Amino acid sequence: MSNKIEKISFGSLIITAGDGKEPEWEEAVIVFTASSFDKELSEEERSYKVYSDCKYFNSDMGGRSLFGYGLDGTDQGIRLDHYIHHGGWTIDYCYVTKKTKKTEGVVK
């Protein structure tokens, strides 16, 4: 079994989150560019887990919050939407870490 990740764009992550339909994933990771930060950080320190059921991916909910959980354990439950839209953080790539039961094993 390979541990290789399939990098996707943030736009693809949004599309596959469902937005009122059955999502294709439950958990994913957003990796930000090194230049988004004032100091040098490892890829793990620039990576945040997100969930498809958050308001950002569901336009029917009242709000657009996107909470992220740092893979290195330091930042937990931070508002990534603020950093993306107002803080100058640039998304490098994303990858899905947990698909929904409906899409597990589906090859696209």
PDB file of N, CA and C in Angstrom:
ATOM      1  N   MET A   1       0.839  -1.180   0.000  1.00  0.00           N
ATOM      2  CA  MET A   1       0.000   0.000   0.000  1.00  0.00           C
ATOM      3  C   MET A   1       0.886   1.246   0.000  1.00  0.00           C
ATOM      4  N   SER A   2       0.614   2.176  -0.880  1.00  0.00           N
ATOM      5  CA  SER A   2       1.426   3.364  -1.026  1.00  0.00           C
ATOM      6  C   SER A   2       0.926   4.492  -0.132  1.00  0.00           C
ATOM      7  N   ASN A   3       1.854   5.277   0.422  1.00  0.00           N
ATOM      8  CA  ASN A   3       1.499   6.442   1.222  1.00  0.00           C
ATOM      9  C   ASN A   3       1.540   7.714   0.397  1.00  0.00           C
ATOM     10  N   LYS A   4       1.663   7.587  -0.906  1.00  0.00           N
ATOM     11  CA  LYS A   4       1.740   8.747  -1.787  1.00  0.00           C
ATOM     12  C   LYS A   4       0.410   9.500  -1.767  1.00  0.00           C
ATOM     13  N   ILE A   5       0.486  10.812  -1.628  1.00  0.00           N
ATOM     14  CA  ILE A   5      -0.726  11.627  -1.611  1.00  0.00           C
ATOM     15  C   ILE A   5      -1.032  12.126  -3.017  1.00  0.00           C
ATOM     16  N   GLU A   6      -2.309  12.375  -3.257  1.00  0.00           N
ATOM     17  CA  GLU A   6      -2.741  12.957  -4.527  1.00  0.00           C
ATOM     18  C   GLU A   6      -3.014  14.437  -4.277  1.00  0.00           C
ATOM     19  N   LYS A   7      -2.125  15.284  -4.783  1.00  0.00           N
ATOM     20  CA  LYS A   7      -2.289  16.718  -4.590  1.00  0.00           C
ATOM     21  C   LYS A   7      -3.420  17.224  -5.472  1.00  0.00           C
ATOM     22  N   ILE A   8      -4.289  18.060  -4.868  1.00  0.00           N
ATOM     23  CA  ILE A   8      -5.374  18.686  -5.610  1.00  0.00           C
ATOM     24  C   ILE A   8      -5.410  20.171  -5.265  1.00  0.00           C
ATOM     25  N   SER A   9      -6.095  20.944  -6.079  1.00  0.00           N
ATOM     26  CA  SER A   9      -6.225  22.376  -5.824  1.00  0.00           C
ATOM     27  C   SER A   9      -7.299  22.627  -4.764  1.00  0.00           C
ATOM     28  N   PHE A  10      -7.279  23.817  -4.209  1.00  0.00           N
ATOM     29  CA  PHE A  10      -8.305  24.200  -3.238  1.00  0.00           C
ATOM     30  C   PHE A  10      -9.672  24.232  -3.922  1.00  0.00           C
ATOM     31  N   GLY A  11      -9.713  24.662  -5.174  1.00  0.00           N
ATOM     32  CA  GLY A  11     -10.966  24.670  -5.932  1.00  0.00           C
ATOM     33  C   GLY A  11     -11.559  23.280  -6.052  1.00  0.00           C
ATOM     34  N   SER A  12     -10.717  22.292  -6.303  1.00  0.00           N
ATOM     35  CA  SER A  12     -11.189  20.901  -6.380  1.00  0.00           C
ATOM     36  C   SER A  12     -11.678  20.418  -5.025  1.00  0.00           C
ATOM     37  N   LEU A  13     -11.011  20.855  -3.973  1.00  0.00           N
ATOM     38  CA  LEU A  13     -11.432  20.482  -2.622  1.00  0.00           C
ATOM     39  C   LEU A  13     -12.830  21.034  -2.351  1.00  0.00           C
ATOM     40  N   ILE A  14     -13.078  22.275  -2.748  1.00  0.00           N
ATOM     41  CA  ILE A  14     -14.385  22.897  -2.552  1.00  0.00           C
ATOM     42  C   ILE A  14     -15.459  22.142  -3.334  1.00  0.00           C
ATOM     43  N   ILE A  15     -15.184  21.845  -4.589  1.00  0.00           N
ATOM     44  CA  ILE A  15     -16.157  21.157  -5.444  1.00  0.00           C
ATOM     45  C   ILE A  15     -16.532  19.794  -4.883  1.00  0.00           C
ATOM     46  N   THR A  16     -15.560  19.056  -4.403  1.00  0.00           N
ATOM     47  CA  THR A  16     -15.815  17.694  -3.919  1.00  0.00           C
ATOM     48  C   THR A  16     -16.310  17.646  -2.477  1.00  0.00           C
ATOM     49  N   ALA A  17     -16.411  18.821  -1.814  1.00  0.00           N
ATOM     50  CA  ALA A  17     -16.913  18.870  -0.438  1.00  0.00           C
ATOM     51  C   ALA A  17     -18.420  18.672  -0.374  1.00  0.00           C
ATOM     52  N   GLY A  18     -19.102  18.803  -1.499  1.00  0.00           N
ATOM     53  CA  GLY A  18     -20.520  18.511  -1.531  1.00  0.00           C
ATOM     54  C   GLY A  18     -21.426  19.703  -1.733  1.00  0.00           C
ATOM     55  N   ASP A  19     -21.332  20.716  -0.888  1.00  0.00           N
ATOM     56  CA  ASP A  19     -22.191  21.903  -0.918  1.00  0.00           C
ATOM     57  C   ASP A  19     -23.656  21.536  -1.140  1.00  0.00           C
ATOM     58  N   GLY A  20     -24.236  20.883  -0.155  1.00  0.00           N
ATOM     59  CA  GLY A  20     -25.634  20.499  -0.220  1.00  0.00           C
ATOM     60  C   GLY A  20     -25.857  19.100  -0.772  1.00  0.00           C
ATOM     61  N   LYS A  21     -24.841  18.535  -1.380  1.00  0.00           N
ATOM     62  CA  LYS A  21     -24.909  17.166  -1.884  1.00  0.00           C
ATOM     63  C   LYS A  21     -24.020  16.285  -1.001  1.00  0.00           C
ATOM     64  N   GLU A  22     -23.999  15.016  -1.301  1.00  0.00           N
ATOM     65  CA  GLU A  22     -23.143  14.090  -0.555  1.00  0.00           C
ATOM     66  C   GLU A  22     -21.669  14.428  -0.823  1.00  0.00           C
ATOM     67  N   PRO A  23     -20.889  14.756   0.205  1.00  0.00           N
ATOM     68  CA  PRO A  23     -19.468  15.061  -0.019  1.00  0.00           C
ATOM     69  C   PRO A  23     -18.691  13.817  -0.431  1.00  0.00           C
ATOM     70  N   GLU A  24     -17.586  14.036  -1.142  1.00  0.00           N
ATOM     71  CA  GLU A  24     -16.719  12.928  -1.543  1.00  0.00           C
ATOM     72  C   GLU A  24     -15.627  12.656  -0.519  1.00  0.00           C
ATOM     73  N   TRP A  25     -15.459  13.569   0.429  1.00  0.00           N
ATOM     74  CA  TRP A  25     -14.441  13.392   1.456  1.00  0.00           C
ATOM     75  C   TRP A  25     -14.953  13.918   2.791  1.00  0.00           C
ATOM     76  N   GLU A  26     -14.325  13.433   3.867  1.00  0.00           N
ATOM     77  CA  GLU A  26     -14.657  13.890   5.218  1.00  0.00           C
ATOM     78  C   GLU A  26     -13.543  14.750   5.800  1.00  0.00           C
ATOM     79  N   GLU A  27     -12.294  14.346   5.561  1.00  0.00           N
ATOM     80  CA  GLU A  27     -11.142  15.066   6.087  1.00  0.00           C
ATOM     81  C   GLU A  27     -10.143  15.314   4.968  1.00  0.00           C
ATOM     82  N   ALA A  28      -9.524  16.491   5.009  1.00  0.00           N
ATOM     83  CA  ALA A  28      -8.504  16.838   4.026  1.00  0.00           C
ATOM     84  C   ALA A  28      -7.464  17.720   4.698  1.00  0.00           C
ATOM     85  N   VAL A  29      -6.368  17.941   4.007  1.00  0.00           N
ATOM     86  CA  VAL A  29      -5.299  18.798   4.517  1.00  0.00           C
ATOM     87  C   VAL A  29      -5.039  19.906   3.497  1.00  0.00           C
ATOM     88  N   ILE A  30      -4.895  21.116   4.009  1.00  0.00           N
ATOM     89  CA  ILE A  30      -4.515  22.272   3.202  1.00  0.00           C
ATOM     90  C   ILE A  30      -3.081  22.619   3.571  1.00  0.00           C
ATOM     91  N   VAL A  31      -2.215  22.701   2.568  1.00  0.00           N
ATOM     92  CA  VAL A  31      -0.811  23.049   2.783  1.00  0.00           C
ATOM     93  C   VAL A  31      -0.591  24.451   2.214  1.00  0.00           C
ATOM     94  N   PHE A  32      -0.048  25.330   3.028  1.00  0.00           N
ATOM     95  CA  PHE A  32       0.219  26.702   2.607  1.00  0.00           C
ATOM     96  C   PHE A  32       1.658  26.848   2.123  1.00  0.00           C
ATOM     97  N   THR A  33       1.890  27.825   1.259  1.00  0.00           N
ATOM     98  CA  THR A  33       3.232  28.063   0.724  1.00  0.00           C
ATOM     99  C   THR A  33       4.161  28.548   1.836  1.00  0.00           C
ATOM    100  N   ALA A  34       5.444  28.274   1.677  1.00  0.00           N
ATOM    101  CA  ALA A  34       6.441  28.722   2.654  1.00  0.00           C
ATOM    102  C   ALA A  34       6.467  30.248   2.743  1.00  0.00           C
ATOM    103  N   SER A  35       6.221  30.920   1.622  1.00  0.00           N
ATOM    104  CA  SER A  35       6.265  32.389   1.596  1.00  0.00           C
ATOM    105  C   SER A  35       5.080  33.039   2.320  1.00  0.00           C
ATOM    106  N   SER A  36       4.113  32.254   2.756  1.00  0.00           N
ATOM    107  CA  SER A  36       2.975  32.786   3.505  1.00  0.00           C
ATOM    108  C   SER A  36       3.355  33.171   4.931  1.00  0.00           C
ATOM    109  N   PHE A  37       4.524  32.740   5.373  1.00  0.00           N
ATOM    110  CA  PHE A  37       4.927  32.923   6.769  1.00  0.00           C
ATOM    111  C   PHE A  37       6.202  33.750   6.876  1.00  0.00           C
ATOM    112  N   ASP A  38       6.352  34.426   8.014  1.00  0.00           N
ATOM    113  CA  ASP A  38       7.508  35.291   8.258  1.00  0.00           C
ATOM    114  C   ASP A  38       8.778  34.520   8.590  1.00  0.00           C
ATOM    115  N   LYS A  39       8.618  33.287   9.052  1.00  0.00           N
ATOM    116  CA  LYS A  39       9.789  32.483   9.390  1.00  0.00           C
ATOM    117  C   LYS A  39       9.710  31.159   8.633  1.00  0.00           C
ATOM    118  N   GLU A  40      10.833  30.477   8.591  1.00  0.00           N
ATOM    119  CA  GLU A  40      10.881  29.198   7.884  1.00  0.00           C
ATOM    120  C   GLU A  40      10.146  28.135   8.695  1.00  0.00           C
ATOM    121  N   LEU A  41       9.197  27.472   8.031  1.00  0.00           N
ATOM    122  CA  LEU A  41       8.423  26.412   8.668  1.00  0.00           C
ATOM    123  C   LEU A  41       8.483  25.158   7.814  1.00  0.00           C
ATOM    124  N   SER A  42       8.428  24.020   8.468  1.00  0.00           N
ATOM    125  CA  SER A  42       8.402  22.748   7.743  1.00  0.00           C
ATOM    126  C   SER A  42       7.040  22.604   7.048  1.00  0.00           C
ATOM    127  N   GLU A  43       6.953  21.657   6.139  1.00  0.00           N
ATOM    128  CA  GLU A  43       5.682  21.412   5.461  1.00  0.00           C
ATOM    129  C   GLU A  43       4.604  21.008   6.464  1.00  0.00           C
ATOM    130  N   GLU A  44       4.968  20.212   7.456  1.00  0.00           N
ATOM    131  CA  GLU A  44       4.010  19.807   8.482  1.00  0.00           C
ATOM    132  C   GLU A  44       3.487  21.019   9.253  1.00  0.00           C
ATOM    133  N   GLU A  45       4.367  21.981   9.547  1.00  0.00           N
ATOM    134  CA  GLU A  45       3.968  23.184  10.284  1.00  0.00           C
ATOM    135  C   GLU A  45       3.082  24.105   9.451  1.00  0.00           C
ATOM    136  N   ARG A  46       3.098  23.943   8.143  1.00  0.00           N
ATOM    137  CA  ARG A  46       2.282  24.754   7.224  1.00  0.00           C
ATOM    138  C   ARG A  46       1.022  24.019   6.767  1.00  0.00           C
ATOM    139  N   SER A  47       0.723  22.874   7.385  1.00  0.00           N
ATOM    140  CA  SER A  47      -0.378  22.003   6.965  1.00  0.00           C
ATOM    141  C   SER A  47      -1.475  21.958   8.009  1.00  0.00           C
ATOM    142  N   TYR A  48      -2.723  22.058   7.549  1.00  0.00           N
ATOM    143  CA  TYR A  48      -3.875  22.102   8.444  1.00  0.00           C
ATOM    144  C   TYR A  48      -4.970  21.150   7.978  1.00  0.00           C
ATOM    145  N   LYS A  49      -5.464  20.340   8.905  1.00  0.00           N
ATOM    146  CA  LYS A  49      -6.567  19.429   8.607  1.00  0.00           C
ATOM    147  C   LYS A  49      -7.871  20.215   8.649  1.00  0.00           C
ATOM    148  N   VAL A  50      -8.759  19.940   7.690  1.00  0.00           N
ATOM    149  CA  VAL A  50     -10.088  20.550   7.638  1.00  0.00           C
ATOM    150  C   VAL A  50     -11.123  19.447   7.423  1.00  0.00           C
ATOM    151  N   TYR A  51     -12.383  19.785   7.668  1.00  0.00           N
ATOM    152  CA  TYR A  51     -13.474  18.822   7.557  1.00  0.00           C
ATOM    153  C   TYR A  51     -14.528  19.322   6.572  1.00  0.00           C
ATOM    154  N   SER A  52     -15.104  18.424   5.799  1.00  0.00           N
ATOM    155  CA  SER A  52     -16.053  18.802   4.745  1.00  0.00           C
ATOM    156  C   SER A  52     -17.361  19.358   5.282  1.00  0.00           C
ATOM    157  N   ASP A  53     -17.678  19.131   6.557  1.00  0.00           N
ATOM    158  CA  ASP A  53     -18.947  19.612   7.092  1.00  0.00           C
ATOM    159  C   ASP A  53     -18.866  21.032   7.656  1.00  0.00           C
ATOM    160  N   CYS A  54     -17.747  21.720   7.474  1.00  0.00           N
ATOM    161  CA  CYS A  54     -17.644  23.086   7.994  1.00  0.00           C
ATOM    162  C   CYS A  54     -18.422  24.055   7.095  1.00  0.00           C
ATOM    163  N   LYS A  55     -18.734  25.214   7.625  1.00  0.00           N
ATOM    164  CA  LYS A  55     -19.555  26.199   6.920  1.00  0.00           C
ATOM    165  C   LYS A  55     -18.943  26.645   5.588  1.00  0.00           C
ATOM    166  N   TYR A  56     -17.633  26.706   5.511  1.00  0.00           N
ATOM    167  CA  TYR A  56     -16.965  27.209   4.300  1.00  0.00           C
ATOM    168  C   TYR A  56     -17.360  26.399   3.064  1.00  0.00           C
ATOM    169  N   PHE A  57     -17.554  25.117   3.241  1.00  0.00           N
ATOM    170  CA  PHE A  57     -17.868  24.231   2.125  1.00  0.00           C
ATOM    171  C   PHE A  57     -19.367  24.014   1.928  1.00  0.00           C
ATOM    172  N   ASN A  58     -20.201  24.654   2.732  1.00  0.00           N
ATOM    173  CA  ASN A  58     -21.647  24.458   2.678  1.00  0.00           C
ATOM    174  C   ASN A  58     -22.355  25.809   2.622  1.00  0.00           C
ATOM    175  N   SER A  59     -22.709  26.254   1.427  1.00  0.00           N
ATOM    176  CA  SER A  59     -23.279  27.583   1.239  1.00  0.00           C
ATOM    177  C   SER A  59     -24.657  27.751   1.885  1.00  0.00           C
ATOM    178  N   ASP A  60     -25.330  26.662   2.222  1.00  0.00           N
ATOM    179  CA  ASP A  60     -26.642  26.756   2.861  1.00  0.00           C
ATOM    180  C   ASP A  60     -26.537  27.144   4.335  1.00  0.00           C
ATOM    181  N   MET A  61     -25.348  27.044   4.896  1.00  0.00           N
ATOM    182  CA  MET A  61     -25.151  27.410   6.300  1.00  0.00           C
ATOM    183  C   MET A  61     -24.915  28.914   6.401  1.00  0.00           C
ATOM    184  N   GLY A  62     -25.286  29.494   7.519  1.00  0.00           N
ATOM    185  CA  GLY A  62     -25.101  30.928   7.721  1.00  0.00           C
ATOM    186  C   GLY A  62     -23.692  31.249   8.170  1.00  0.00           C
ATOM    187  N   GLY A  63     -22.795  31.472   7.232  1.00  0.00           N
ATOM    188  CA  GLY A  63     -21.411  31.796   7.560  1.00  0.00           C
ATOM    189  C   GLY A  63     -20.456  31.152   6.584  1.00  0.00           C
ATOM    190  N   ARG A  64     -19.192  31.533   6.688  1.00  0.00           N
ATOM    191  CA  ARG A  64     -18.169  31.002   5.784  1.00  0.00           C
ATOM    192  C   ARG A  64     -16.905  30.652   6.544  1.00  0.00           C
ATOM    193  N   SER A  65     -17.033  30.219   7.780  1.00  0.00           N
ATOM    194  CA  SER A  65     -15.845  29.912   8.580  1.00  0.00           C
ATOM    195  C   SER A  65     -15.196  28.604   8.121  1.00  0.00           C
ATOM    196  N   LEU A  66     -13.878  28.606   8.175  1.00  0.00           N
ATOM    197  CA  LEU A  66     -13.080  27.433   7.831  1.00  0.00           C
ATOM    198  C   LEU A  66     -12.068  27.232   8.952  1.00  0.00           C
ATOM    199  N   PHE A  67     -12.359  26.286   9.826  1.00  0.00           N
ATOM    200  CA  PHE A  67     -11.464  26.007  10.940  1.00  0.00           C
ATOM    201  C   PHE A  67     -10.445  24.957  10.534  1.00  0.00           C
ATOM    202  N   GLY A  68      -9.195  25.178  10.932  1.00  0.00           N
ATOM    203  CA  GLY A  68      -8.120  24.258  10.615  1.00  0.00           C
ATOM    204  C   GLY A  68      -7.395  23.807  11.868  1.00  0.00           C
ATOM    205  N   TYR A  69      -6.795  22.624  11.755  1.00  0.00           N
ATOM    206  CA  TYR A  69      -6.104  22.002  12.884  1.00  0.00           C
ATOM    207  C   TYR A  69      -4.702  21.629  12.429  1.00  0.00           C
ATOM    208  N   GLY A  70      -3.691  22.334  12.949  1.00  0.00           N
ATOM    209  CA  GLY A  70      -2.312  22.141  12.529  1.00  0.00           C
ATOM    210  C   GLY A  70      -1.836  20.709  12.716  1.00  0.00           C
ATOM    211  N   LEU A  71      -1.222  20.158  11.678  1.00  0.00           N
ATOM    212  CA  LEU A  71      -0.722  18.793  11.762  1.00  0.00           C
ATOM    213  C   LEU A  71       0.396  18.651  12.782  1.00  0.00           C
ATOM    214  N   ASP A  72       1.090  19.753  13.065  1.00  0.00           N
ATOM    215  CA  ASP A  72       2.165  19.697  14.063  1.00  0.00           C
ATOM    216  C   ASP A  72       1.639  19.843  15.489  1.00  0.00           C
ATOM    217  N   GLY A  73       0.337  20.066  15.641  1.00  0.00           N
ATOM    218  CA  GLY A  73      -0.280  20.144  16.966  1.00  0.00           C
ATOM    219  C   GLY A  73      -0.278  21.508  17.613  1.00  0.00           C
ATOM    220  N   THR A  74       0.296  22.528  16.984  1.00  0.00           N
ATOM    221  CA  THR A  74       0.381  23.831  17.636  1.00  0.00           C
ATOM    222  C   THR A  74      -0.881  24.663  17.462  1.00  0.00           C
ATOM    223  N   ASP A  75      -1.378  24.802  16.257  1.00  0.00           N
ATOM    224  CA  ASP A  75      -2.580  25.603  15.989  1.00  0.00           C
ATOM    225  C   ASP A  75      -3.784  24.676  15.885  1.00  0.00           C
ATOM    226  N   GLN A  76      -4.718  24.821  16.805  1.00  0.00           N
ATOM    227  CA  GLN A  76      -5.903  23.963  16.802  1.00  0.00           C
ATOM    228  C   GLN A  76      -7.159  24.821  16.739  1.00  0.00           C
ATOM    229  N   GLY A  77      -7.971  24.606  15.721  1.00  0.00           N
ATOM    230  CA  GLY A  77      -9.228  25.334  15.583  1.00  0.00           C
ATOM    231  C   GLY A  77      -9.062  26.788  15.185  1.00  0.00           C
ATOM    232  N   ILE A  78      -8.061  27.085  14.352  1.00  0.00           N
ATOM    233  CA  ILE A  78      -7.866  28.476  13.929  1.00  0.00           C
ATOM    234  C   ILE A  78      -8.704  28.770  12.686  1.00  0.00           C
ATOM    235  N   ARG A  79      -9.077  30.035  12.505  1.00  0.00           N
ATOM    236  CA  ARG A  79      -9.912  30.463  11.391  1.00  0.00           C
ATOM    237  C   ARG A  79      -9.051  30.649  10.139  1.00  0.00           C
ATOM    238  N   LEU A  80      -8.914  29.583   9.384  1.00  0.00           N
ATOM    239  CA  LEU A  80      -8.115  29.648   8.160  1.00  0.00           C
ATOM    240  C   LEU A  80      -8.702  30.622   7.147  1.00  0.00           C
ATOM    241  N   ASP A  81     -10.029  30.760   7.126  1.00  0.00           N
ATOM    242  CA  ASP A  81     -10.647  31.691   6.181  1.00  0.00           C
ATOM    243  C   ASP A  81     -10.127  33.110   6.376  1.00  0.00           C
ATOM    244  N   HIS A  82      -9.871  33.510   7.614  1.00  0.00           N
ATOM    245  CA  HIS A  82      -9.317  34.847   7.873  1.00  0.00           C
ATOM    246  C   HIS A  82      -7.913  34.984   7.303  1.00  0.00           C
ATOM    247  N   TYR A  83      -7.091  33.977   7.503  1.00  0.00           N
ATOM    248  CA  TYR A  83      -5.717  34.022   7.005  1.00  0.00           C
ATOM    249  C   TYR A  83      -5.664  33.948   5.481  1.00  0.00           C
ATOM    250  N   ILE A  84      -6.560  33.190   4.877  1.00  0.00           N
ATOM    251  CA  ILE A  84      -6.594  33.058   3.415  1.00  0.00           C
ATOM    252  C   ILE A  84      -7.048  34.370   2.775  1.00  0.00           C
ATOM    253  N   HIS A  85      -8.116  34.959   3.312  1.00  0.00           N
ATOM    254  CA  HIS A  85      -8.711  36.132   2.675  1.00  0.00           C
ATOM    255  C   HIS A  85      -8.169  37.469   3.165  1.00  0.00           C
ATOM    256  N   HIS A  86      -7.588  37.501   4.363  1.00  0.00           N
ATOM    257  CA  HIS A  86      -7.129  38.781   4.923  1.00  0.00           C
ATOM    258  C   HIS A  86      -5.703  38.755   5.459  1.00  0.00           C
ATOM    259  N   GLY A  87      -5.118  37.577   5.581  1.00  0.00           N
ATOM    260  CA  GLY A  87      -3.805  37.482   6.215  1.00  0.00           C
ATOM    261  C   GLY A  87      -2.658  37.175   5.276  1.00  0.00           C
ATOM    262  N   GLY A  88      -2.956  37.029   3.998  1.00  0.00           N
ATOM    263  CA  GLY A  88      -1.891  36.808   3.034  1.00  0.00           C
ATOM    264  C   GLY A  88      -1.385  35.382   2.920  1.00  0.00           C
ATOM    265  N   TRP A  89      -2.073  34.419   3.532  1.00  0.00           N
ATOM    266  CA  TRP A  89      -1.655  33.030   3.393  1.00  0.00           C
ATOM    267  C   TRP A  89      -2.104  32.521   2.029  1.00  0.00           C
ATOM    268  N   THR A  90      -1.195  31.879   1.326  1.00  0.00           N
ATOM    269  CA  THR A  90      -1.473  31.345  -0.009  1.00  0.00           C
ATOM    270  C   THR A  90      -1.455  29.827   0.051  1.00  0.00           C
ATOM    271  N   ILE A  91      -2.495  29.227  -0.509  1.00  0.00           N
ATOM    272  CA  ILE A  91      -2.585  27.765  -0.511  1.00  0.00           C
ATOM    273  C   ILE A  91      -1.670  27.202  -1.591  1.00  0.00           C
ATOM    274  N   ASP A  92      -0.833  26.258  -1.198  1.00  0.00           N
ATOM    275  CA  ASP A  92       0.054  25.574  -2.134  1.00  0.00           C
ATOM    276  C   ASP A  92      -0.707  24.429  -2.803  1.00  0.00           C
ATOM    277  N   TYR A  93      -1.235  23.525  -1.988  1.00  0.00           N
ATOM    278  CA  TYR A  93      -2.025  22.400  -2.500  1.00  0.00           C
ATOM    279  C   TYR A  93      -2.817  21.797  -1.359  1.00  0.00           C
ATOM    280  N   CYS A  94      -3.696  20.865  -1.712  1.00  0.00           N
ATOM    281  CA  CYS A  94      -4.515  20.154  -0.735  1.00  0.00           C
ATOM    282  C   CYS A  94      -4.446  18.667  -1.038  1.00  0.00           C
ATOM    283  N   TYR A  95      -4.857  17.860  -0.083  1.00  0.00           N
ATOM    284  CA  TYR A  95      -5.021  16.427  -0.338  1.00  0.00           C
ATOM    285  C   TYR A  95      -6.039  15.862   0.632  1.00  0.00           C
ATOM    286  N   VAL A  96      -6.768  14.865   0.183  1.00  0.00           N
ATOM    287  CA  VAL A  96      -7.804  14.223   0.983  1.00  0.00           C
ATOM    288  C   VAL A  96      -7.164  13.133   1.831  1.00  0.00           C
ATOM    289  N   THR A  97      -7.524  13.104   3.114  1.00  0.00           N
ATOM    290  CA  THR A  97      -6.989  12.085   4.013  1.00  0.00           C
ATOM    291  C   THR A  97      -8.042  11.047   4.396  1.00  0.00           C
ATOM    292  N   LYS A  98      -9.317  11.411   4.264  1.00  0.00           N
ATOM    293  CA  LYS A  98     -10.390  10.454   4.568  1.00  0.00           C
ATOM    294  C   LYS A  98     -11.555  10.706   3.619  1.00  0.00           C
ATOM    295  N   LYS A  99     -11.814   9.729   2.753  1.00  0.00           N
ATOM    296  CA  LYS A  99     -12.949   9.823   1.840  1.00  0.00           C
ATOM    297  C   LYS A  99     -14.211   9.382   2.561  1.00  0.00           C
ATOM    298  N   THR A 100     -15.360   9.721   1.987  1.00  0.00           N
ATOM    299  CA  THR A 100     -16.617   9.241   2.551  1.00  0.00           C
ATOM    300  C   THR A 100     -16.766   7.770   2.205  1.00  0.00           C
ATOM    301  N   LYS A 101     -17.592   7.088   2.941  1.00  0.00           N
ATOM    302  CA  LYS A 101     -17.833   5.660   2.675  1.00  0.00           C
ATOM    303  C   LYS A 101     -18.280   5.441   1.231  1.00  0.00           C
ATOM    304  N   LYS A 102     -19.074   6.361   0.725  1.00  0.00           N
ATOM    305  CA  LYS A 102     -19.619   6.262  -0.638  1.00  0.00           C
ATOM    306  C   LYS A 102     -18.525   6.272  -1.700  1.00  0.00           C
ATOM    307  N   THR A 103     -17.429   7.000  -1.455  1.00  0.00           N
ATOM    308  CA  THR A 103     -16.396   7.149  -2.478  1.00  0.00           C
ATOM    309  C   THR A 103     -15.115   6.368  -2.191  1.00  0.00           C
ATOM    310  N   GLU A 104     -15.040   5.658  -1.074  1.00  0.00           N
ATOM    311  CA  GLU A 104     -13.834   4.880  -0.795  1.00  0.00           C
ATOM    312  C   GLU A 104     -13.626   3.850  -1.887  1.00  0.00           C
ATOM    313  N   GLY A 105     -12.434   3.798  -2.425  1.00  0.00           N
ATOM    314  CA  GLY A 105     -12.101   2.826  -3.462  1.00  0.00           C
ATOM    315  C   GLY A 105     -12.540   3.227  -4.854  1.00  0.00           C
ATOM    316  N   VAL A 106     -13.198   4.379  -5.012  1.00  0.00           N
ATOM    317  CA  VAL A 106     -13.633   4.831  -6.324  1.00  0.00           C
ATOM    318  C   VAL A 106     -12.447   5.455  -7.038  1.00  0.00           C
ATOM    319  N   VAL A 107     -12.175   4.995  -8.246  1.00  0.00           N
ATOM    320  CA  VAL A 107     -11.080   5.527  -9.044  1.00  0.00           C
ATOM    321  C   VAL A 107     -11.650   6.541 -10.006  1.00  0.00           C
ATOM    322  N   LYS A 108     -11.035   7.724 -10.026  1.00  0.00           N
ATOM    323  CA  LYS A 108     -11.499   8.779 -10.933  1.00  0.00           C
ATOM    324  C   LYS A 108     -10.484   9.024 -11.994  1.00  0.00           C
TER     325      LYS A 108
END
